[in-house]
Amino acid sequence: GIIFCPISEAIQKHPDLVKKYLGSVIPTTDHFFATLNSAVFTDGSFAYIPEGVRCPMELSTYFRINASNTGQFERTLIIADEGSEVHYIEGCTAPVYSSESLHSAVVELVAHKDAKLRYTTIQNWSNDVYNLVTKRAYAYDGATVEWIDGNIGSKLTMKYPGIYLMGPKAYGETLSIAFAGKNQHQDTGAKMVHMAPDTTSKITSKSVSRGNGRSTYRGLLHVAKGATNVKSTVRCDALLLDETSKTDTYPYMEINQEDATVTHEATVGKIGDEQIFYLMTRGFSEEEALSLIVNGFMEPFTLLAEHMIMKVDIEHYLKRDG
């Protein structure tokens, strides 16, 4: 009963589902780029997981810009019905051209009661692409939405996946990683909006900048009036690899309920000559020492990726052998 197809095909074959959910999370009037996408999008992904169904494998898609001086308007709509589970993985790339291109996507996720939805995206655009996207999820009673976001490449990325916790005991988590190289600006973060009581969320953001690259964390944590017993944790860490790279942090917190438990922690670190020298005295080359330090900084992200792969392999093995 799982439906997974291009959204252009879903419009033809499943019009009732598309009509019900398209634009329900991100209205066409949300902002300029949402309106632009709604007006001109031609394709993207559509997935519907029926009630009580656990998708037995990851659903994977790949988006690529194949022409210079162009715009790509991806539209993705994923619905996890009550008690269902799904993991969706998206990859994005573009070759290097002499002129600039635009990627302006709109992604809408709906996790109904007790559903579990994980959305993973790794974007490795070339440095002539403006990556300006809008991504948002609704999590209803007892639902879980996990957003894993990797940003490498592009000239400018502006991306803040949002999870709206609409029902009691809903859980939202975002884990984002950004790398800003020469002449690149990664303006990323997350939004958590607690609209119901007993909801929990976690935001983890890590960024690395080098060679005059600039990384920015821009996040919003909103707790609505009447959303009692909310718990939320925000952590953003930045690593600078040289004297010319930059990082900024803009955390916004709007707490309208007195009993909310909210923590925020931010760190900025810089690789010093002493660290490199120490590792080189232990037999590492300068490049190996730098790689070792960066990999240690990224450990939470890489551990989660390894855990995801291992978990899937074990589940497939158990299912195969009964």
Protein backbone atom coordinates (compact mmCIF):
# COMPACT_ATOMS: atom_id res chain seq x y z
CA GLY A 1 0.00 0.00 0.00
CA ILE A 2 3.01 2.35 0.07
CA ILE A 3 2.94 5.03 -2.62
CA PHE A 4 6.31 6.41 -3.74
CA CYS A 5 6.55 8.26 -7.05
CA PRO A 6 7.29 11.62 -8.68
CA ILE A 7 4.83 14.22 -7.48
CA SER A 8 3.79 14.85 -11.10
CA GLU A 9 2.62 11.24 -11.25
CA ALA A 10 0.90 11.50 -7.86
CA ILE A 11 -1.10 14.49 -9.09
CA GLN A 12 -2.45 12.30 -11.91
CA LYS A 13 -2.96 9.03 -10.03
CA HIS A 14 -3.68 10.14 -6.44
CA PRO A 15 -5.30 13.58 -6.77
CA ASP A 16 -7.32 13.28 -3.55
CA LEU A 17 -4.19 12.77 -1.40
CA VAL A 18 -2.28 15.56 -3.14
CA LYS A 19 -5.20 17.97 -2.88
CA LYS A 20 -5.62 17.21 0.83
CA TYR A 21 -1.98 17.73 1.85
CA LEU A 22 -0.22 19.92 -0.74
CA GLY A 23 0.25 23.37 0.77
CA SER A 24 -1.19 22.28 4.13
CA VAL A 25 2.15 22.62 5.93
CA ILE A 26 3.71 25.42 3.89
CA PRO A 27 1.02 27.73 2.45
CA THR A 28 1.56 29.20 -0.99
CA THR A 29 1.57 32.64 0.64
CA ASP A 30 4.19 31.75 3.28
CA HIS A 31 6.88 33.91 1.66
CA PHE A 32 8.23 34.88 -1.76
CA PHE A 33 10.13 31.66 -2.52
CA ALA A 34 7.26 29.43 -1.35
CA THR A 35 4.96 31.33 -3.72
CA LEU A 36 7.49 31.06 -6.55
CA ASN A 37 7.89 27.31 -6.04
CA SER A 38 4.12 26.77 -5.86
CA ALA A 39 3.68 28.64 -9.13
CA VAL A 40 6.38 26.98 -11.24
CA PHE A 41 7.34 23.58 -9.75
CA THR A 42 7.20 20.70 -12.23
CA ASP A 43 8.37 17.72 -10.21
CA GLY A 44 9.72 16.29 -7.00
CA SER A 45 8.93 13.38 -4.69
CA PHE A 46 5.70 12.07 -3.23
CA ALA A 47 5.39 9.38 -0.56
CA TYR A 48 2.42 8.06 1.37
CA ILE A 49 2.76 5.39 4.06
CA PRO A 50 -0.62 3.85 5.01
CA GLU A 51 -1.83 3.46 8.57
CA GLY A 52 0.16 0.95 10.63
CA VAL A 53 2.64 0.17 7.83
CA ARG A 54 6.38 0.11 8.46
CA CYS A 55 8.30 0.88 5.27
CA PRO A 56 10.80 -2.02 4.95
CA MET A 57 13.56 0.07 3.34
CA GLU A 58 14.70 3.66 2.95
CA LEU A 59 13.03 5.68 0.23
CA SER A 60 15.82 7.41 -1.74
CA THR A 61 15.85 10.21 -4.28
CA TYR A 62 18.54 12.21 -6.05
CA PHE A 63 18.21 15.74 -7.42
CA ARG A 64 20.77 17.20 -9.83
CA ILE A 65 21.03 20.50 -11.68
CA ASN A 66 22.12 19.60 -15.21
CA ALA A 67 22.22 23.01 -16.89
CA SER A 68 23.85 26.36 -16.23
CA ASN A 69 22.00 29.56 -15.36
CA THR A 70 18.84 27.70 -14.43
CA GLY A 71 16.35 27.30 -11.61
CA GLN A 72 15.33 24.02 -10.02
CA PHE A 73 12.04 24.05 -8.12
CA GLU A 74 11.76 20.76 -6.29
CA ARG A 75 8.50 19.91 -4.52
CA THR A 76 8.43 17.08 -1.98
CA LEU A 77 5.41 15.83 -0.02
CA ILE A 78 5.67 12.94 2.46
CA ILE A 79 2.75 11.67 4.56
CA ALA A 80 3.18 9.08 7.32
CA ASP A 81 -0.29 7.96 8.36
CA GLU A 82 -1.21 6.88 11.90
CA GLY A 83 1.23 4.40 13.45
CA SER A 84 3.41 4.12 10.32
CA GLU A 85 7.21 4.39 9.96
CA VAL A 86 9.41 5.63 7.13
CA HIS A 87 12.95 6.89 6.48
CA TYR A 88 13.38 9.14 3.43
CA ILE A 89 16.87 9.99 2.07
CA GLU A 90 17.58 12.77 -0.41
CA GLY A 91 20.82 13.66 -2.19
CA CYS A 92 21.50 16.81 -4.22
CA THR A 93 24.46 17.79 -6.45
CA ALA A 94 25.34 20.03 -9.40
CA PRO A 95 28.36 20.28 -11.72
CA VAL A 96 30.36 23.50 -11.82
CA TYR A 97 29.29 26.04 -14.41
CA SER A 98 30.50 29.55 -15.21
CA SER A 99 27.12 31.13 -14.34
CA GLU A 100 24.97 30.87 -11.24
CA SER A 101 21.88 28.71 -10.64
CA LEU A 102 19.04 28.63 -8.12
CA HIS A 103 17.65 25.69 -6.16
CA SER A 104 14.42 26.71 -4.46
CA ALA A 105 12.69 23.69 -2.94
CA VAL A 106 9.60 23.27 -0.79
CA VAL A 107 9.39 20.14 1.38
CA GLU A 108 6.31 19.27 3.43
CA LEU A 109 6.22 16.39 5.93
CA VAL A 110 3.14 15.16 7.82
CA ALA A 111 3.50 12.64 10.67
CA HIS A 112 0.12 11.56 12.00
CA LYS A 113 -0.59 10.07 15.44
CA ASP A 114 2.20 7.74 16.69
CA ALA A 115 3.97 7.82 13.30
CA LYS A 116 7.77 7.89 12.98
CA LEU A 117 9.27 9.88 10.12
CA ARG A 118 12.99 10.42 9.53
CA TYR A 119 14.12 12.76 6.76
CA THR A 120 17.79 12.75 5.76
CA THR A 121 19.23 15.12 3.18
CA ILE A 122 22.82 15.55 2.02
CA GLN A 123 23.32 18.50 -0.31
CA ASN A 124 26.64 18.91 -2.10
CA TRP A 125 25.96 21.71 -4.55
CA SER A 126 28.69 23.34 -6.65
CA ASN A 127 29.84 26.77 -5.50
CA ASP A 128 27.77 28.59 -8.15
CA VAL A 129 24.38 27.53 -6.74
CA TYR A 130 22.10 29.60 -4.51
CA ASN A 131 20.32 27.07 -2.30
CA LEU A 132 17.23 28.79 -0.86
CA VAL A 133 14.77 26.22 0.47
CA THR A 134 11.76 25.91 2.77
CA LYS A 135 11.31 22.66 4.70
CA ARG A 136 8.70 22.03 7.39
CA ALA A 137 7.05 19.15 9.23
CA TYR A 138 3.89 18.68 11.31
CA ALA A 139 4.04 16.08 14.10
CA TYR A 140 0.72 15.12 15.67
CA ASP A 141 -0.11 13.18 18.89
CA GLY A 142 2.79 10.96 19.92
CA ALA A 143 4.51 11.29 16.53
CA THR A 144 8.27 11.47 16.04
CA VAL A 145 10.01 13.52 13.34
CA GLU A 146 13.80 13.38 12.97
CA TRP A 147 15.54 15.69 10.52
CA ILE A 148 19.17 14.97 9.59
CA ASP A 149 20.64 17.70 7.43
CA GLY A 150 24.06 17.82 5.74
CA ASN A 151 25.15 20.95 3.83
CA ILE A 152 28.34 20.95 1.75
CA GLY A 153 28.99 23.25 -1.18
CA SER A 154 26.79 25.98 -2.74
CA LYS A 155 27.57 29.69 -2.91
CA LEU A 156 24.85 30.50 -0.39
CA THR A 157 22.61 28.13 1.53
CA MET A 158 19.66 29.39 3.58
CA LYS A 159 17.90 26.44 5.17
CA TYR A 160 16.09 26.13 8.49
CA PRO A 161 14.06 22.88 8.69
CA GLY A 162 11.09 23.41 10.98
CA ILE A 163 9.18 20.88 13.07
CA TYR A 164 5.78 21.92 14.46
CA LEU A 165 4.81 19.72 17.39
CA MET A 166 1.04 19.85 16.99
CA GLY A 167 -0.10 17.09 19.35
CA PRO A 168 0.65 15.99 22.93
CA LYS A 169 3.79 13.89 23.46
CA ALA A 170 5.13 14.63 19.97
CA TYR A 171 8.93 14.59 19.59
CA GLY A 172 11.11 16.51 17.15
CA GLU A 173 14.86 16.36 16.59
CA THR A 174 17.16 18.05 14.09
CA LEU A 175 20.85 17.30 13.55
CA SER A 176 22.56 19.57 11.05
CA ILE A 177 26.09 19.82 9.78
CA ALA A 178 27.49 22.55 7.53
CA PHE A 179 30.87 23.05 5.88
CA ALA A 180 31.72 26.51 4.51
CA GLY A 181 34.74 26.63 2.21
CA LYS A 182 36.24 29.43 0.15
CA ASN A 183 33.66 32.08 -0.85
CA GLN A 184 30.82 30.03 0.64
CA HIS A 185 28.18 31.01 3.18
CA GLN A 186 26.21 28.31 4.99
CA ASP A 187 23.29 30.03 6.73
CA THR A 188 21.57 27.07 8.37
CA GLY A 189 19.74 26.08 11.52
CA ALA A 190 16.37 24.76 12.66
CA LYS A 191 12.97 25.75 14.01
CA MET A 192 11.07 23.95 16.76
CA VAL A 193 7.54 25.12 17.48
CA HIS A 194 5.83 23.56 20.52
CA MET A 195 2.09 23.95 20.06
CA ALA A 196 0.96 21.18 22.43
CA PRO A 197 1.71 20.02 25.99
CA ASP A 198 4.20 17.28 26.94
CA THR A 199 6.21 17.80 23.75
CA THR A 200 9.98 17.38 23.55
CA SER A 201 12.58 18.59 21.09
CA LYS A 202 16.31 18.63 20.48
CA ILE A 203 18.37 20.78 18.11
CA THR A 204 22.04 19.97 17.40
CA SER A 205 23.99 22.07 14.92
CA LYS A 206 27.67 21.78 13.94
CA SER A 207 29.58 23.87 11.44
CA VAL A 208 33.13 24.05 10.07
CA SER A 209 34.54 27.08 8.24
CA ARG A 210 37.81 27.58 6.37
CA GLY A 211 39.39 29.76 3.69
CA ASN A 212 37.17 32.87 4.28
CA GLY A 213 34.07 30.64 4.42
CA ARG A 214 31.26 31.77 6.70
CA SER A 215 28.86 29.62 8.70
CA THR A 216 25.75 30.94 10.43
CA TYR A 217 23.44 29.23 12.89
CA ARG A 218 19.96 30.76 12.83
CA GLY A 219 17.40 28.99 14.97
CA LEU A 220 13.98 29.48 16.51
CA LEU A 221 12.52 27.78 19.56
CA HIS A 222 8.89 28.73 20.20
CA VAL A 223 6.74 27.49 23.07
CA ALA A 224 3.09 28.48 22.73
CA LYS A 225 0.93 29.61 25.63
CA GLY A 226 -0.79 26.56 27.10
CA ALA A 227 1.88 24.11 25.90
CA THR A 228 2.71 22.83 29.38
CA ASN A 229 5.57 20.55 30.42
CA VAL A 230 7.68 21.27 27.34
CA LYS A 231 11.31 20.16 27.29
CA SER A 232 13.82 21.36 24.72
CA THR A 233 17.59 21.35 24.25
CA VAL A 234 19.53 23.48 21.77
CA ARG A 235 23.25 23.06 21.09
CA CYS A 236 25.26 24.73 18.32
CA ASP A 237 29.02 24.28 17.92
CA ALA A 238 31.30 25.98 15.39
CA LEU A 239 34.88 25.21 14.39
CA LEU A 240 37.16 27.71 12.62
CA LEU A 241 40.12 26.27 10.70
CA ASP A 242 42.03 29.49 9.95
CA GLU A 243 42.24 33.23 10.55
CA THR A 244 39.97 34.27 7.65
CA SER A 245 36.92 32.07 8.30
CA LYS A 246 33.89 33.38 10.19
CA THR A 247 30.95 32.11 12.20
CA ASP A 248 27.78 33.70 13.62
CA THR A 249 25.05 32.47 15.95
CA TYR A 250 21.52 33.90 16.07
CA PRO A 251 19.37 31.87 18.47
CA TYR A 252 15.80 33.05 18.97
CA MET A 253 13.72 31.77 21.89
CA GLU A 254 10.08 32.68 22.42
CA ILE A 255 8.88 31.07 25.65
CA ASN A 256 5.22 31.80 26.44
CA GLN A 257 4.70 29.09 29.08
CA GLU A 258 6.32 29.42 32.51
CA ASP A 259 6.91 25.73 33.23
CA ALA A 260 8.92 25.06 30.05
CA THR A 261 12.37 23.53 30.55
CA VAL A 262 14.76 24.93 27.94
CA THR A 263 18.54 24.77 27.67
CA HIS A 264 20.85 26.41 25.14
CA GLU A 265 24.57 25.86 24.71
CA ALA A 266 26.88 27.27 22.06
CA THR A 267 30.63 26.94 21.54
CA VAL A 268 33.12 28.35 19.06
CA GLY A 269 36.46 26.60 18.71
CA LYS A 270 39.58 27.27 16.71
CA ILE A 271 42.28 24.81 15.72
CA GLY A 272 45.50 26.05 17.22
CA ASP A 273 49.07 25.51 16.07
CA GLU A 274 49.73 23.67 19.34
CA GLN A 275 47.14 20.98 18.53
CA ILE A 276 48.57 20.43 15.07
CA PHE A 277 52.14 20.41 16.40
CA TYR A 278 51.29 17.90 19.15
CA LEU A 279 49.73 15.45 16.70
CA MET A 280 52.62 15.86 14.26
CA THR A 281 55.08 14.95 17.04
CA ARG A 282 53.09 11.71 17.37
CA GLY A 283 53.75 10.79 13.74
CA PHE A 284 50.78 12.36 11.94
CA SER A 285 51.27 14.58 8.90
CA GLU A 286 49.78 18.09 9.05
CA GLU A 287 46.90 17.03 6.80
CA GLU A 288 46.22 13.91 8.90
CA ALA A 289 46.30 15.97 12.11
CA LEU A 290 43.78 18.46 10.72
CA SER A 291 41.53 15.65 9.54
CA LEU A 292 41.69 13.94 12.93
CA ILE A 293 40.62 17.10 14.77
CA VAL A 294 37.74 17.81 12.38
CA ASN A 295 36.54 14.20 12.52
CA GLY A 296 36.52 14.36 16.31
CA PHE A 297 34.43 17.53 16.16
CA MET A 298 31.97 15.83 13.80
CA GLU A 299 31.73 12.67 15.90
CA PRO A 300 28.02 13.01 16.91
CA PHE A 301 27.03 13.29 13.24
CA THR A 302 29.18 10.38 12.06
CA LEU A 303 28.13 8.19 14.99
CA LEU A 304 24.48 8.78 14.17
CA ALA A 305 25.08 7.92 10.50
CA GLU A 306 26.84 4.68 11.50
CA HIS A 307 24.03 3.87 13.94
CA MET A 308 21.42 4.42 11.23
CA ILE A 309 23.21 2.05 8.82
CA MET A 310 23.79 -0.58 11.50
CA LYS A 311 20.20 -0.41 12.70
CA VAL A 312 18.86 -0.93 9.19
CA ASP A 313 21.24 -3.85 8.53
CA ILE A 314 20.26 -5.60 11.78
CA GLU A 315 16.55 -5.10 11.12
CA HIS A 316 16.85 -6.50 7.59
CA TYR A 317 18.83 -9.49 8.90
CA LEU A 318 16.27 -10.24 11.63
CA LYS A 319 13.40 -9.94 9.20
CA ARG A 320 15.10 -12.18 6.64
CA ASP A 321 15.83 -14.93 9.18
CA GLY A 322 12.52 -14.65 10.98
